[in-house]
C-alpha cells in the first residue's frame, strides 16, 4: 500500500476533461498517451487529441483535455514487464 505525501484525486468530466492531483512529474506525452508519476503509482492516460492544458509541479496538479479512452495505474514494482517479474 502506498502512502503518498499529497492527496491523489482524479476528476474526469464526460471523458473529455480531467484534473489530476498528486502528480510528481510527467514522464512522456503525445496526442495519444500521457504517462505521469503520481503518489499512487504511474498513471497512463490513453485517448485522442490529448493535451496538458495546465501543469503545476509545485502543487502537483495537472489539467488534461481530449477524448479519454483508458486509464491505467502501474505500481513501481510492476515496472519492467514480464522479465522483471521472473527475476525478482
Protein backbone atom coordinates (compact mmCIF):
# COMPACT_ATOMS: atom_id res chain seq x y z
CA UNK A 1 0.00 0.00 0.00
CA UNK A 2 1.31 3.43 -0.94
CA UNK A 3 1.39 6.31 1.45
CA UNK A 4 1.68 9.44 -0.66
CA UNK A 5 2.77 12.77 0.65
CA UNK A 6 -0.05 14.58 -1.17
CA UNK A 7 -3.66 13.57 -1.73
CA UNK A 8 -4.23 11.96 -5.12
CA UNK A 9 -7.52 12.72 -6.86
CA UNK A 10 -8.67 12.27 -10.42
CA UNK A 11 -11.80 14.07 -11.62
CA UNK A 12 -12.99 13.32 -15.17
CA UNK A 13 -15.88 15.11 -16.84
CA UNK A 14 -17.60 13.48 -19.83
CA UNK A 15 -14.35 11.68 -20.77
CA UNK A 16 -13.12 14.98 -22.28
CA UNK A 17 -11.51 16.92 -19.43
CA UNK A 18 -9.78 15.78 -16.29
CA UNK A 19 -7.97 17.22 -13.32
CA UNK A 20 -5.33 15.15 -11.54
CA UNK A 21 -3.74 15.98 -8.20
CA UNK A 22 -0.81 14.26 -6.50
CA UNK A 23 1.26 14.44 -9.71
CA UNK A 24 5.01 14.17 -9.23
CA UNK A 25 6.08 14.59 -12.86
CA UNK A 26 5.00 13.96 -16.44
CA UNK A 27 7.27 11.27 -17.89
CA UNK A 28 6.04 11.42 -21.50
CA UNK A 29 3.17 12.73 -23.56
CA UNK A 30 1.79 12.96 -27.06
CA UNK A 31 -1.72 13.23 -28.51
CA UNK A 32 -2.47 9.53 -27.83
CA UNK A 33 -0.73 8.81 -24.49
CA UNK A 34 0.20 10.72 -21.35
CA UNK A 35 2.36 9.00 -18.71
CA UNK A 36 2.76 10.66 -15.32
CA UNK A 37 4.09 9.66 -11.93
CA UNK A 38 1.61 10.16 -9.11
CA UNK A 39 1.75 9.45 -5.40
CA UNK A 40 -0.37 6.34 -6.09
CA UNK A 41 1.82 4.93 -8.91
CA UNK A 42 2.42 5.59 -12.58
CA UNK A 43 -0.73 6.77 -14.38
CA UNK A 44 -1.11 6.16 -18.13
CA UNK A 45 -3.90 8.00 -19.94
CA UNK A 46 -4.85 6.79 -23.44
CA UNK A 47 -7.00 8.71 -25.91
CA UNK A 48 -7.00 11.02 -28.90
CA UNK A 49 -6.18 14.71 -29.15
CA UNK A 50 -4.84 14.67 -25.58
CA UNK A 51 -3.38 17.94 -24.32
CA UNK A 52 -1.91 19.02 -21.00
CA UNK A 53 -3.69 22.33 -20.54
CA UNK A 54 -2.14 23.17 -17.18
CA UNK A 55 0.69 21.64 -15.18
CA UNK A 56 1.71 22.93 -11.76
CA UNK A 57 4.53 20.69 -10.45
CA UNK A 58 4.81 22.64 -7.18
CA UNK A 59 1.17 21.94 -6.31
CA UNK A 60 1.22 18.53 -8.01
CA UNK A 61 -1.74 19.32 -10.28
CA UNK A 62 -2.45 18.76 -13.96
CA UNK A 63 -5.41 19.59 -16.20
CA UNK A 64 -5.87 17.45 -19.31
CA UNK A 65 -8.27 17.69 -22.25
CA UNK A 66 -9.06 15.41 -25.19
CA UNK A 67 -11.05 12.21 -25.73
CA UNK A 68 -10.07 9.74 -22.98
CA UNK A 69 -10.33 6.03 -23.83
CA UNK A 70 -8.49 4.46 -20.90
CA UNK A 71 -6.68 4.96 -17.61
CA UNK A 72 -4.18 2.54 -16.11
CA UNK A 73 -2.16 2.63 -12.90
CA UNK A 74 1.12 0.73 -12.59
CA UNK A 75 2.97 0.27 -9.31
CA UNK A 76 6.74 0.79 -9.22
CA UNK A 77 7.32 -2.91 -8.56
CA UNK A 78 5.38 -3.83 -11.72
CA UNK A 79 7.57 -1.71 -13.99
CA UNK A 80 9.89 -3.56 -16.31
CA UNK A 81 7.33 -6.06 -17.55
CA UNK A 82 7.50 -9.82 -17.77
CA UNK A 83 11.25 -10.34 -17.33
CA UNK A 84 11.46 -8.22 -14.18
CA UNK A 85 8.77 -10.38 -12.57
CA UNK A 86 10.65 -13.59 -13.45
CA UNK A 87 13.98 -12.38 -12.00
CA UNK A 88 12.79 -10.90 -8.68
